[in-house]
Amino acid sequence: MVKQMGGRKLGVTSSHRRALLRNMATSLILHEKVETTVAKAKELRPFVEKIITQARQGKHYLVRRKIQDKVVYQKLFDVLAPRYAQRPGGYIRIMRLAPRASDNAKRGLIALVS
């Protein structure tokens, strides 16, 4: 019996999806909020939460695989890991926005919790 694998395809190839998530994670960590479609935001949430948890645990080698930007890498360990040291998860919030005017796509704002 064939079953669906988890995760959204987002209409792109697997390598494109991996690059998309890495780039969006870099932007989210750097700017602490990103406006995107709801589907992309829902895919990005567990991706970034795992990265922040690994940074909290001091696993530099695992974080380095996903985040190549040096500024963002430093921010993870210097700012975000101490900020979320006492928080057992749930570092990200997704808020719904008005649909996009051009194609009526569902939009959302994904942001780090203060």
PDB file of N, CA and C in Angstrom:
ATOM      1  N   MET A   1       0.840  -1.173   0.000  1.00  0.00           N
ATOM      2  CA  MET A   1       0.000   0.000   0.000  1.00  0.00           C
ATOM      3  C   MET A   1       0.888   1.240   0.000  1.00  0.00           C
ATOM      4  N   VAL A   2       0.679   2.109  -0.981  1.00  0.00           N
ATOM      5  CA  VAL A   2       1.458   3.328  -1.100  1.00  0.00           C
ATOM      6  C   VAL A   2       0.812   4.401  -0.231  1.00  0.00           C
ATOM      7  N   LYS A   3       1.637   5.046   0.588  1.00  0.00           N
ATOM      8  CA  LYS A   3       1.125   6.115   1.449  1.00  0.00           C
ATOM      9  C   LYS A   3       1.892   7.390   1.155  1.00  0.00           C
ATOM     10  N   GLN A   4       1.251   8.507   1.407  1.00  0.00           N
ATOM     11  CA  GLN A   4       1.891   9.796   1.194  1.00  0.00           C
ATOM     12  C   GLN A   4       2.957  10.042   2.259  1.00  0.00           C
ATOM     13  N   MET A   5       4.077  10.596   1.834  1.00  0.00           N
ATOM     14  CA  MET A   5       5.114  10.985   2.774  1.00  0.00           C
ATOM     15  C   MET A   5       4.745  12.351   3.351  1.00  0.00           C
ATOM     16  N   GLY A   6       5.234  12.648   4.539  1.00  0.00           N
ATOM     17  CA  GLY A   6       4.900  13.909   5.191  1.00  0.00           C
ATOM     18  C   GLY A   6       5.551  15.096   4.508  1.00  0.00           C
ATOM     19  N   GLY A   7       5.000  16.243   4.720  1.00  0.00           N
ATOM     20  CA  GLY A   7       5.575  17.473   4.191  1.00  0.00           C
ATOM     21  C   GLY A   7       4.895  17.935   2.922  1.00  0.00           C
ATOM     22  N   ARG A   8       4.968  19.238   2.704  1.00  0.00           N
ATOM     23  CA  ARG A   8       4.369  19.832   1.516  1.00  0.00           C
ATOM     24  C   ARG A   8       5.408  19.917   0.412  1.00  0.00           C
ATOM     25  N   LYS A   9       4.983  19.711  -0.823  1.00  0.00           N
ATOM     26  CA  LYS A   9       5.904  19.774  -1.953  1.00  0.00           C
ATOM     27  C   LYS A   9       6.130  21.202  -2.426  1.00  0.00           C
ATOM     28  N   LEU A  10       5.182  22.080  -2.188  1.00  0.00           N
ATOM     29  CA  LEU A  10       5.266  23.500  -2.527  1.00  0.00           C
ATOM     30  C   LEU A  10       5.487  23.754  -4.017  1.00  0.00           C
ATOM     31  N   GLY A  11       5.214  22.784  -4.849  1.00  0.00           N
ATOM     32  CA  GLY A  11       5.299  22.963  -6.288  1.00  0.00           C
ATOM     33  C   GLY A  11       6.705  23.099  -6.838  1.00  0.00           C
ATOM     34  N   VAL A  12       7.709  22.618  -6.106  1.00  0.00           N
ATOM     35  CA  VAL A  12       9.101  22.723  -6.555  1.00  0.00           C
ATOM     36  C   VAL A  12       9.804  21.387  -6.348  1.00  0.00           C
ATOM     37  N   THR A  13      11.004  21.253  -6.915  1.00  0.00           N
ATOM     38  CA  THR A  13      11.779  20.027  -6.750  1.00  0.00           C
ATOM     39  C   THR A  13      12.344  19.949  -5.333  1.00  0.00           C
ATOM     40  N   SER A  14      12.842  18.799  -4.967  1.00  0.00           N
ATOM     41  CA  SER A  14      13.347  18.619  -3.604  1.00  0.00           C
ATOM     42  C   SER A  14      14.559  19.494  -3.319  1.00  0.00           C
ATOM     43  N   SER A  15      15.450  19.662  -4.289  1.00  0.00           N
ATOM     44  CA  SER A  15      16.618  20.512  -4.070  1.00  0.00           C
ATOM     45  C   SER A  15      16.208  21.982  -3.951  1.00  0.00           C
ATOM     46  N   HIS A  16      15.225  22.389  -4.756  1.00  0.00           N
ATOM     47  CA  HIS A  16      14.713  23.756  -4.674  1.00  0.00           C
ATOM     48  C   HIS A  16      14.033  23.990  -3.327  1.00  0.00           C
ATOM     49  N   ARG A  17      13.279  22.993  -2.862  1.00  0.00           N
ATOM     50  CA  ARG A  17      12.590  23.102  -1.578  1.00  0.00           C
ATOM     51  C   ARG A  17      13.602  23.217  -0.435  1.00  0.00           C
ATOM     52  N   ARG A  18      14.667  22.428  -0.496  1.00  0.00           N
ATOM     53  CA  ARG A  18      15.703  22.479   0.535  1.00  0.00           C
ATOM     54  C   ARG A  18      16.373  23.855   0.553  1.00  0.00           C
ATOM     55  N   ALA A  19      16.690  24.389  -0.631  1.00  0.00           N
ATOM     56  CA  ALA A  19      17.303  25.715  -0.717  1.00  0.00           C
ATOM     57  C   ALA A  19      16.332  26.793  -0.239  1.00  0.00           C
ATOM     58  N   LEU A  20      15.061  26.658  -0.605  1.00  0.00           N
ATOM     59  CA  LEU A  20      14.032  27.604  -0.187  1.00  0.00           C
ATOM     60  C   LEU A  20      13.933  27.667   1.335  1.00  0.00           C
ATOM     61  N   LEU A  21      13.894  26.497   1.977  1.00  0.00           N
ATOM     62  CA  LEU A  21      13.785  26.463   3.434  1.00  0.00           C
ATOM     63  C   LEU A  21      15.026  27.047   4.100  1.00  0.00           C
ATOM     64  N   ARG A  22      16.192  26.746   3.573  1.00  0.00           N
ATOM     65  CA  ARG A  22      17.422  27.301   4.151  1.00  0.00           C
ATOM     66  C   ARG A  22      17.461  28.814   4.023  1.00  0.00           C
ATOM     67  N   ASN A  23      17.085  29.333   2.845  1.00  0.00           N
ATOM     68  CA  ASN A  23      17.096  30.780   2.640  1.00  0.00           C
ATOM     69  C   ASN A  23      16.050  31.478   3.498  1.00  0.00           C
ATOM     70  N   MET A  24      14.862  30.887   3.592  1.00  0.00           N
ATOM     71  CA  MET A  24      13.825  31.495   4.421  1.00  0.00           C
ATOM     72  C   MET A  24      14.194  31.430   5.898  1.00  0.00           C
ATOM     73  N   ALA A  25      14.839  30.344   6.327  1.00  0.00           N
ATOM     74  CA  ALA A  25      15.282  30.235   7.715  1.00  0.00           C
ATOM     75  C   ALA A  25      16.326  31.304   8.025  1.00  0.00           C
ATOM     76  N   THR A  26      17.253  31.527   7.097  1.00  0.00           N
ATOM     77  CA  THR A  26      18.266  32.560   7.275  1.00  0.00           C
ATOM     78  C   THR A  26      17.614  33.935   7.412  1.00  0.00           C
ATOM     79  N   SER A  27      16.639  34.219   6.551  1.00  0.00           N
ATOM     80  CA  SER A  27      15.945  35.513   6.617  1.00  0.00           C
ATOM     81  C   SER A  27      15.146  35.653   7.905  1.00  0.00           C
ATOM     82  N   LEU A  28      14.480  34.578   8.316  1.00  0.00           N
ATOM     83  CA  LEU A  28      13.677  34.630   9.537  1.00  0.00           C
ATOM     84  C   LEU A  28      14.553  34.873  10.759  1.00  0.00           C
ATOM     85  N   ILE A  29      15.665  34.202  10.847  1.00  0.00           N
ATOM     86  CA  ILE A  29      16.551  34.368  12.003  1.00  0.00           C
ATOM     87  C   ILE A  29      17.178  35.765  11.997  1.00  0.00           C
ATOM     88  N   LEU A  30      17.537  36.258  10.825  1.00  0.00           N
ATOM     89  CA  LEU A  30      18.179  37.566  10.723  1.00  0.00           C
ATOM     90  C   LEU A  30      17.200  38.708  11.029  1.00  0.00           C
ATOM     91  N   HIS A  31      16.007  38.670  10.427  1.00  0.00           N
ATOM     92  CA  HIS A  31      15.051  39.766  10.571  1.00  0.00           C
ATOM     93  C   HIS A  31      13.985  39.508  11.631  1.00  0.00           C
ATOM     94  N   GLU A  32      13.887  38.290  12.113  1.00  0.00           N
ATOM     95  CA  GLU A  32      12.958  37.833  13.152  1.00  0.00           C
ATOM     96  C   GLU A  32      11.498  37.822  12.708  1.00  0.00           C
ATOM     97  N   LYS A  33      11.220  38.143  11.447  1.00  0.00           N
ATOM     98  CA  LYS A  33       9.882  37.958  10.886  1.00  0.00           C
ATOM     99  C   LYS A  33       9.981  37.957   9.368  1.00  0.00           C
ATOM    100  N   VAL A  34       9.096  37.177   8.736  1.00  0.00           N
ATOM    101  CA  VAL A  34       9.063  37.059   7.284  1.00  0.00           C
ATOM    102  C   VAL A  34       7.611  36.938   6.854  1.00  0.00           C
ATOM    103  N   GLU A  35       7.252  37.641   5.796  1.00  0.00           N
ATOM    104  CA  GLU A  35       5.911  37.538   5.234  1.00  0.00           C
ATOM    105  C   GLU A  35       5.968  36.592   4.038  1.00  0.00           C
ATOM    106  N   THR A  36       5.137  35.548   4.052  1.00  0.00           N
ATOM    107  CA  THR A  36       5.150  34.540   3.004  1.00  0.00           C
ATOM    108  C   THR A  36       3.777  33.893   2.913  1.00  0.00           C
ATOM    109  N   THR A  37       3.657  32.845   2.105  1.00  0.00           N
ATOM    110  CA  THR A  37       2.387  32.131   2.046  1.00  0.00           C
ATOM    111  C   THR A  37       2.261  31.240   3.281  1.00  0.00           C
ATOM    112  N   VAL A  38       1.050  30.893   3.619  1.00  0.00           N
ATOM    113  CA  VAL A  38       0.801  30.090   4.817  1.00  0.00           C
ATOM    114  C   VAL A  38       1.427  28.702   4.683  1.00  0.00           C
ATOM    115  N   ALA A  39       1.365  28.107   3.497  1.00  0.00           N
ATOM    116  CA  ALA A  39       1.938  26.773   3.297  1.00  0.00           C
ATOM    117  C   ALA A  39       3.448  26.777   3.534  1.00  0.00           C
ATOM    118  N   LYS A  40       4.140  27.790   3.017  1.00  0.00           N
ATOM    119  CA  LYS A  40       5.586  27.893   3.231  1.00  0.00           C
ATOM    120  C   LYS A  40       5.890  28.150   4.704  1.00  0.00           C
ATOM    121  N   ALA A  41       5.083  28.955   5.348  1.00  0.00           N
ATOM    122  CA  ALA A  41       5.288  29.247   6.764  1.00  0.00           C
ATOM    123  C   ALA A  41       5.124  27.984   7.607  1.00  0.00           C
ATOM    124  N   LYS A  42       4.131  27.161   7.270  1.00  0.00           N
ATOM    125  CA  LYS A  42       3.906  25.926   8.022  1.00  0.00           C
ATOM    126  C   LYS A  42       5.042  24.931   7.819  1.00  0.00           C
ATOM    127  N   GLU A  43       5.670  24.944   6.666  1.00  0.00           N
ATOM    128  CA  GLU A  43       6.826  24.081   6.427  1.00  0.00           C
ATOM    129  C   GLU A  43       8.069  24.627   7.113  1.00  0.00           C
ATOM    130  N   LEU A  44       8.168  25.947   7.190  1.00  0.00           N
ATOM    131  CA  LEU A  44       9.353  26.590   7.767  1.00  0.00           C
ATOM    132  C   LEU A  44       9.405  26.456   9.277  1.00  0.00           C
ATOM    133  N   ARG A  45       8.253  26.436   9.934  1.00  0.00           N
ATOM    134  CA  ARG A  45       8.216  26.411  11.394  1.00  0.00           C
ATOM    135  C   ARG A  45       9.015  25.260  12.011  1.00  0.00           C
ATOM    136  N   PRO A  46       8.746  23.984  11.686  1.00  0.00           N
ATOM    137  CA  PRO A  46       9.530  22.916  12.318  1.00  0.00           C
ATOM    138  C   PRO A  46      11.001  22.948  11.922  1.00  0.00           C
ATOM    139  N   PHE A  47      11.282  23.416  10.705  1.00  0.00           N
ATOM    140  CA  PHE A  47      12.666  23.503  10.230  1.00  0.00           C
ATOM    141  C   PHE A  47      13.475  24.450  11.121  1.00  0.00           C
ATOM    142  N   VAL A  48      12.932  25.629  11.393  1.00  0.00           N
ATOM    143  CA  VAL A  48      13.647  26.630  12.197  1.00  0.00           C
ATOM    144  C   VAL A  48      13.637  26.257  13.675  1.00  0.00           C
ATOM    145  N   GLU A  49      12.541  25.682  14.159  1.00  0.00           N
ATOM    146  CA  GLU A  49      12.493  25.310  15.573  1.00  0.00           C
ATOM    147  C   GLU A  49      13.542  24.258  15.897  1.00  0.00           C
ATOM    148  N   LYS A  50      13.789  23.329  14.990  1.00  0.00           N
ATOM    149  CA  LYS A  50      14.837  22.329  15.209  1.00  0.00           C
ATOM    150  C   LYS A  50      16.210  22.982  15.228  1.00  0.00           C
ATOM    151  N   ILE A  51      16.425  23.968  14.362  1.00  0.00           N
ATOM    152  CA  ILE A  51      17.711  24.670  14.327  1.00  0.00           C
ATOM    153  C   ILE A  51      17.938  25.422  15.638  1.00  0.00           C
ATOM    154  N   ILE A  52      16.917  26.103  16.138  1.00  0.00           N
ATOM    155  CA  ILE A  52      17.060  26.858  17.389  1.00  0.00           C
ATOM    156  C   ILE A  52      17.299  25.902  18.558  1.00  0.00           C
ATOM    157  N   THR A  53      16.613  24.771  18.576  1.00  0.00           N
ATOM    158  CA  THR A  53      16.822  23.792  19.641  1.00  0.00           C
ATOM    159  C   THR A  53      18.254  23.254  19.599  1.00  0.00           C
ATOM    160  N   GLN A  54      18.766  22.978  18.413  1.00  0.00           N
ATOM    161  CA  GLN A  54      20.144  22.503  18.297  1.00  0.00           C
ATOM    162  C   GLN A  54      21.134  23.574  18.744  1.00  0.00           C
ATOM    163  N   ALA A  55      20.836  24.843  18.460  1.00  0.00           N
ATOM    164  CA  ALA A  55      21.699  25.934  18.917  1.00  0.00           C
ATOM    165  C   ALA A  55      21.670  26.032  20.440  1.00  0.00           C
ATOM    166  N   ARG A  56      20.482  25.848  21.032  1.00  0.00           N
ATOM    167  CA  ARG A  56      20.370  25.856  22.498  1.00  0.00           C
ATOM    168  C   ARG A  56      21.221  24.764  23.117  1.00  0.00           C
ATOM    169  N   GLN A  57      21.275  23.613  22.462  1.00  0.00           N
ATOM    170  CA  GLN A  57      22.017  22.474  22.992  1.00  0.00           C
ATOM    171  C   GLN A  57      23.508  22.563  22.677  1.00  0.00           C
ATOM    172  N   GLY A  58      23.916  23.588  21.920  1.00  0.00           N
ATOM    173  CA  GLY A  58      25.324  23.777  21.602  1.00  0.00           C
ATOM    174  C   GLY A  58      25.841  22.873  20.499  1.00  0.00           C
ATOM    175  N   LYS A  59      24.988  22.381  19.643  1.00  0.00           N
ATOM    176  CA  LYS A  59      25.385  21.473  18.564  1.00  0.00           C
ATOM    177  C   LYS A  59      25.748  22.282  17.318  1.00  0.00           C
ATOM    178  N   HIS A  60      26.948  22.860  17.347  1.00  0.00           N
ATOM    179  CA  HIS A  60      27.408  23.738  16.276  1.00  0.00           C
ATOM    180  C   HIS A  60      27.457  23.035  14.928  1.00  0.00           C
ATOM    181  N   TYR A  61      27.904  21.804  14.902  1.00  0.00           N
ATOM    182  CA  TYR A  61      28.077  21.086  13.641  1.00  0.00           C
ATOM    183  C   TYR A  61      26.742  20.820  12.949  1.00  0.00           C
ATOM    184  N   LEU A  62      25.670  20.602  13.706  1.00  0.00           N
ATOM    185  CA  LEU A  62      24.357  20.375  13.099  1.00  0.00           C
ATOM    186  C   LEU A  62      23.757  21.677  12.569  1.00  0.00           C
ATOM    187  N   VAL A  63      23.960  22.769  13.289  1.00  0.00           N
ATOM    188  CA  VAL A  63      23.432  24.057  12.854  1.00  0.00           C
ATOM    189  C   VAL A  63      24.184  24.526  11.611  1.00  0.00           C
ATOM    190  N   ARG A  64      25.484  24.275  11.565  1.00  0.00           N
ATOM    191  CA  ARG A  64      26.315  24.728  10.448  1.00  0.00           C
ATOM    192  C   ARG A  64      25.892  24.079   9.129  1.00  0.00           C
ATOM    193  N   ARG A  65      25.317  22.876   9.188  1.00  0.00           N
ATOM    194  CA  ARG A  65      24.842  22.199   7.977  1.00  0.00           C
ATOM    195  C   ARG A  65      23.713  22.977   7.312  1.00  0.00           C
ATOM    196  N   LYS A  66      22.849  23.568   8.133  1.00  0.00           N
ATOM    197  CA  LYS A  66      21.666  24.233   7.608  1.00  0.00           C
ATOM    198  C   LYS A  66      21.874  25.725   7.370  1.00  0.00           C
ATOM    199  N   ILE A  67      22.668  26.381   8.213  1.00  0.00           N
ATOM    200  CA  ILE A  67      22.854  27.834   8.139  1.00  0.00           C
ATOM    201  C   ILE A  67      24.285  28.130   7.706  1.00  0.00           C
ATOM    202  N   GLN A  68      24.436  28.691   6.498  1.00  0.00           N
ATOM    203  CA  GLN A  68      25.773  28.993   5.994  1.00  0.00           C
ATOM    204  C   GLN A  68      26.195  30.447   6.228  1.00  0.00           C
ATOM    205  N   ASP A  69      25.266  31.324   6.517  1.00  0.00           N
ATOM    206  CA  ASP A  69      25.551  32.743   6.729  1.00  0.00           C
ATOM    207  C   ASP A  69      26.202  32.923   8.111  1.00  0.00           C
ATOM    208  N   LYS A  70      27.377  33.541   8.142  1.00  0.00           N
ATOM    209  CA  LYS A  70      28.118  33.690   9.399  1.00  0.00           C
ATOM    210  C   LYS A  70      27.416  34.611  10.394  1.00  0.00           C
ATOM    211  N   VAL A  71      26.804  35.678   9.903  1.00  0.00           N
ATOM    212  CA  VAL A  71      26.113  36.618  10.793  1.00  0.00           C
ATOM    213  C   VAL A  71      24.931  35.935  11.467  1.00  0.00           C
ATOM    214  N   VAL A  72      24.163  35.184  10.686  1.00  0.00           N
ATOM    215  CA  VAL A  72      22.994  34.484  11.222  1.00  0.00           C
ATOM    216  C   VAL A  72      23.433  33.386  12.187  1.00  0.00           C
ATOM    217  N   TYR A  73      24.512  32.694  11.847  1.00  0.00           N
ATOM    218  CA  TYR A  73      25.061  31.640  12.698  1.00  0.00           C
ATOM    219  C   TYR A  73      25.459  32.212  14.062  1.00  0.00           C
ATOM    220  N   GLN A  74      26.131  33.359  14.056  1.00  0.00           N
ATOM    221  CA  GLN A  74      26.534  34.006  15.306  1.00  0.00           C
ATOM    222  C   GLN A  74      25.314  34.476  16.093  1.00  0.00           C
ATOM    223  N   LYS A  75      24.314  35.013  15.403  1.00  0.00           N
ATOM    224  CA  LYS A  75      23.110  35.483  16.087  1.00  0.00           C
ATOM    225  C   LYS A  75      22.396  34.330  16.778  1.00  0.00           C
ATOM    226  N   LEU A  76      22.386  33.171  16.129  1.00  0.00           N
ATOM    227  CA  LEU A  76      21.745  31.990  16.730  1.00  0.00           C
ATOM    228  C   LEU A  76      22.358  31.664  18.084  1.00  0.00           C
ATOM    229  N   PHE A  77      23.668  31.632  18.140  1.00  0.00           N
ATOM    230  CA  PHE A  77      24.341  31.213  19.366  1.00  0.00           C
ATOM    231  C   PHE A  77      24.501  32.340  20.385  1.00  0.00           C
ATOM    232  N   ASP A  78      24.631  33.591  19.924  1.00  0.00           N
ATOM    233  CA  ASP A  78      24.855  34.699  20.849  1.00  0.00           C
ATOM    234  C   ASP A  78      23.564  35.335  21.366  1.00  0.00           C
ATOM    235  N   VAL A  79      22.519  35.370  20.532  1.00  0.00           N
ATOM    236  CA  VAL A  79      21.288  36.068  20.903  1.00  0.00           C
ATOM    237  C   VAL A  79      20.127  35.104  21.156  1.00  0.00           C
ATOM    238  N   LEU A  80      19.839  34.254  20.176  1.00  0.00           N
ATOM    239  CA  LEU A  80      18.626  33.439  20.259  1.00  0.00           C
ATOM    240  C   LEU A  80      18.740  32.271  21.239  1.00  0.00           C
ATOM    241  N   ALA A  81      19.871  31.593  21.278  1.00  0.00           N
ATOM    242  CA  ALA A  81      20.018  30.467  22.207  1.00  0.00           C
ATOM    243  C   ALA A  81      19.839  30.913  23.664  1.00  0.00           C
ATOM    244  N   PRO A  82      20.470  32.023  24.106  1.00  0.00           N
ATOM    245  CA  PRO A  82      20.212  32.479  25.479  1.00  0.00           C
ATOM    246  C   PRO A  82      18.771  32.962  25.697  1.00  0.00           C
ATOM    247  N   ARG A  83      18.179  33.591  24.671  1.00  0.00           N
ATOM    248  CA  ARG A  83      16.812  34.091  24.799  1.00  0.00           C
ATOM    249  C   ARG A  83      15.828  32.957  25.055  1.00  0.00           C
ATOM    250  N   TYR A  84      16.022  31.829  24.385  1.00  0.00           N
ATOM    251  CA  TYR A  84      15.094  30.711  24.502  1.00  0.00           C
ATOM    252  C   TYR A  84      15.619  29.589  25.391  1.00  0.00           C
ATOM    253  N   ALA A  85      16.591  29.881  26.247  1.00  0.00           N
ATOM    254  CA  ALA A  85      17.199  28.846  27.089  1.00  0.00           C
ATOM    255  C   ALA A  85      16.194  28.178  28.014  1.00  0.00           C
ATOM    256  N   GLN A  86      15.239  28.936  28.545  1.00  0.00           N
ATOM    257  CA  GLN A  86      14.262  28.388  29.492  1.00  0.00           C
ATOM    258  C   GLN A  86      12.955  27.973  28.818  1.00  0.00           C
ATOM    259  N   ARG A  87      12.854  28.152  27.507  1.00  0.00           N
ATOM    260  CA  ARG A  87      11.613  27.852  26.791  1.00  0.00           C
ATOM    261  C   ARG A  87      11.701  26.453  26.174  1.00  0.00           C
ATOM    262  N   PRO A  88      10.744  25.574  26.458  1.00  0.00           N
ATOM    263  CA  PRO A  88      10.827  24.190  25.967  1.00  0.00           C
ATOM    264  C   PRO A  88      10.267  24.000  24.555  1.00  0.00           C
ATOM    265  N   GLY A  89      10.406  24.978  23.681  1.00  0.00           N
ATOM    266  CA  GLY A  89       9.901  24.866  22.312  1.00  0.00           C
ATOM    267  C   GLY A  89       8.891  25.959  22.043  1.00  0.00           C
ATOM    268  N   GLY A  90       8.349  25.964  20.840  1.00  0.00           N
ATOM    269  CA  GLY A  90       7.359  26.973  20.468  1.00  0.00           C
ATOM    270  C   GLY A  90       7.973  28.339  20.315  1.00  0.00           C
ATOM    271  N   TYR A  91       9.027  28.436  19.499  1.00  0.00           N
ATOM    272  CA  TYR A  91       9.750  29.690  19.338  1.00  0.00           C
ATOM    273  C   TYR A  91       9.153  30.561  18.235  1.00  0.00           C
ATOM    274  N   ILE A  92       8.202  30.007  17.467  1.00  0.00           N
ATOM    275  CA  ILE A  92       7.719  30.684  16.269  1.00  0.00           C
ATOM    276  C   ILE A  92       6.202  30.799  16.286  1.00  0.00           C
ATOM    277  N   ARG A  93       5.707  31.917  15.765  1.00  0.00           N
ATOM    278  CA  ARG A  93       4.264  32.165  15.668  1.00  0.00           C
ATOM    279  C   ARG A  93       3.934  32.464  14.211  1.00  0.00           C
ATOM    280  N   ILE A  94       2.807  31.914  13.735  1.00  0.00           N
ATOM    281  CA  ILE A  94       2.319  32.207  12.390  1.00  0.00           C
ATOM    282  C   ILE A  94       1.010  32.972  12.532  1.00  0.00           C
ATOM    283  N   MET A  95       0.970  34.156  11.943  1.00  0.00           N
ATOM    284  CA  MET A  95      -0.249  34.971  11.963  1.00  0.00           C
ATOM    285  C   MET A  95      -0.762  35.111  10.540  1.00  0.00           C
ATOM    286  N   ARG A  96      -2.056  34.971  10.375  1.00  0.00           N
ATOM    287  CA  ARG A  96      -2.662  35.077   9.047  1.00  0.00           C
ATOM    288  C   ARG A  96      -2.801  36.536   8.652  1.00  0.00           C
ATOM    289  N   LEU A  97      -2.570  36.800   7.360  1.00  0.00           N
ATOM    290  CA  LEU A  97      -2.741  38.135   6.800  1.00  0.00           C
ATOM    291  C   LEU A  97      -3.819  38.084   5.723  1.00  0.00           C
ATOM    292  N   ALA A  98      -4.144  39.228   5.175  1.00  0.00           N
ATOM    293  CA  ALA A  98      -5.127  39.294   4.086  1.00  0.00           C
ATOM    294  C   ALA A  98      -4.571  38.573   2.861  1.00  0.00           C
ATOM    295  N   PRO A  99      -5.418  38.000   2.033  1.00  0.00           N
ATOM    296  CA  PRO A  99      -4.941  37.308   0.833  1.00  0.00           C
ATOM    297  C   PRO A  99      -4.173  38.249  -0.096  1.00  0.00           C
ATOM    298  N   ARG A 100      -3.260  37.682  -0.856  1.00  0.00           N
ATOM    299  CA  ARG A 100      -2.467  38.458  -1.794  1.00  0.00           C
ATOM    300  C   ARG A 100      -3.377  38.967  -2.917  1.00  0.00           C
ATOM    301  N   ALA A 101      -3.195  40.217  -3.317  1.00  0.00           N
ATOM    302  CA  ALA A 101      -4.098  40.850  -4.280  1.00  0.00           C
ATOM    303  C   ALA A 101      -4.000  40.212  -5.670  1.00  0.00           C
ATOM    304  N   SER A 102      -2.808  39.827  -6.089  1.00  0.00           N
ATOM    305  CA  SER A 102      -2.627  39.359  -7.459  1.00  0.00           C
ATOM    306  C   SER A 102      -3.266  37.999  -7.726  1.00  0.00           C
ATOM    307  N   ASP A 103      -3.045  37.036  -6.830  1.00  0.00           N
ATOM    308  CA  ASP A 103      -3.552  35.681  -7.084  1.00  0.00           C
ATOM    309  C   ASP A 103      -4.403  35.124  -5.941  1.00  0.00           C
ATOM    310  N   ASN A 104      -4.709  35.956  -4.956  1.00  0.00           N
ATOM    311  CA  ASN A 104      -5.566  35.569  -3.832  1.00  0.00           C
ATOM    312  C   ASN A 104      -4.974  34.433  -2.984  1.00  0.00           C
ATOM    313  N   ALA A 105      -3.644  34.324  -2.970  1.00  0.00           N
ATOM    314  CA  ALA A 105      -2.980  33.297  -2.167  1.00  0.00           C
ATOM    315  C   ALA A 105      -3.079  33.653  -0.684  1.00  0.00           C
ATOM    316  N   LYS A 106      -3.193  32.627   0.165  1.00  0.00           N
ATOM    317  CA  LYS A 106      -3.241  32.843   1.619  1.00  0.00           C
ATOM    318  C   LYS A 106      -1.859  33.281   2.085  1.00  0.00           C
ATOM    319  N   ARG A 107      -1.802  34.429   2.750  1.00  0.00           N
ATOM    320  CA  ARG A 107      -0.530  34.947   3.235  1.00  0.00           C
ATOM    321  C   ARG A 107      -0.456  34.828   4.744  1.00  0.00           C
ATOM    322  N   GLY A 108       0.772  34.762   5.244  1.00  0.00           N
ATOM    323  CA  GLY A 108       0.978  34.709   6.668  1.00  0.00           C
ATOM    324  C   GLY A 108       2.263  35.407   7.056  1.00  0.00           C
ATOM    325  N   LEU A 109       2.317  35.834   8.308  1.00  0.00           N
ATOM    326  CA  LEU A 109       3.524  36.439   8.856  1.00  0.00           C
ATOM    327  C   LEU A 109       4.085  35.442   9.855  1.00  0.00           C
ATOM    328  N   ILE A 110       5.289  34.974   9.599  1.00  0.00           N
ATOM    329  CA  ILE A 110       5.939  34.042  10.522  1.00  0.00           C
ATOM    330  C   ILE A 110       6.986  34.845  11.286  1.00  0.00           C
ATOM    331  N   ALA A 111       6.924  34.776  12.622  1.00  0.00           N
ATOM    332  CA  ALA A 111       7.805  35.608  13.441  1.00  0.00           C
ATOM    333  C   ALA A 111       8.282  34.831  14.659  1.00  0.00           C
ATOM    334  N   LEU A 112       9.466  35.210  15.144  1.00  0.00           N
ATOM    335  CA  LEU A 112       9.993  34.621  16.367  1.00  0.00           C
ATOM    336  C   LEU A 112       9.256  35.216  17.559  1.00  0.00           C
ATOM    337  N   VAL A 113       8.967  34.403  18.546  1.00  0.00           N
ATOM    338  CA  VAL A 113       8.290  34.842  19.758  1.00  0.00           C
ATOM    339  C   VAL A 113       9.299  35.594  20.617  1.00  0.00           C
ATOM    340  N   SER A 114       8.918  36.711  21.194  1.00  0.00           N
ATOM    341  CA  SER A 114       9.820  37.515  22.028  1.00  0.00           C
ATOM    342  C   SER A 114      10.090  36.869  23.358  1.00  0.00           C
TER     343      SER A 114
END
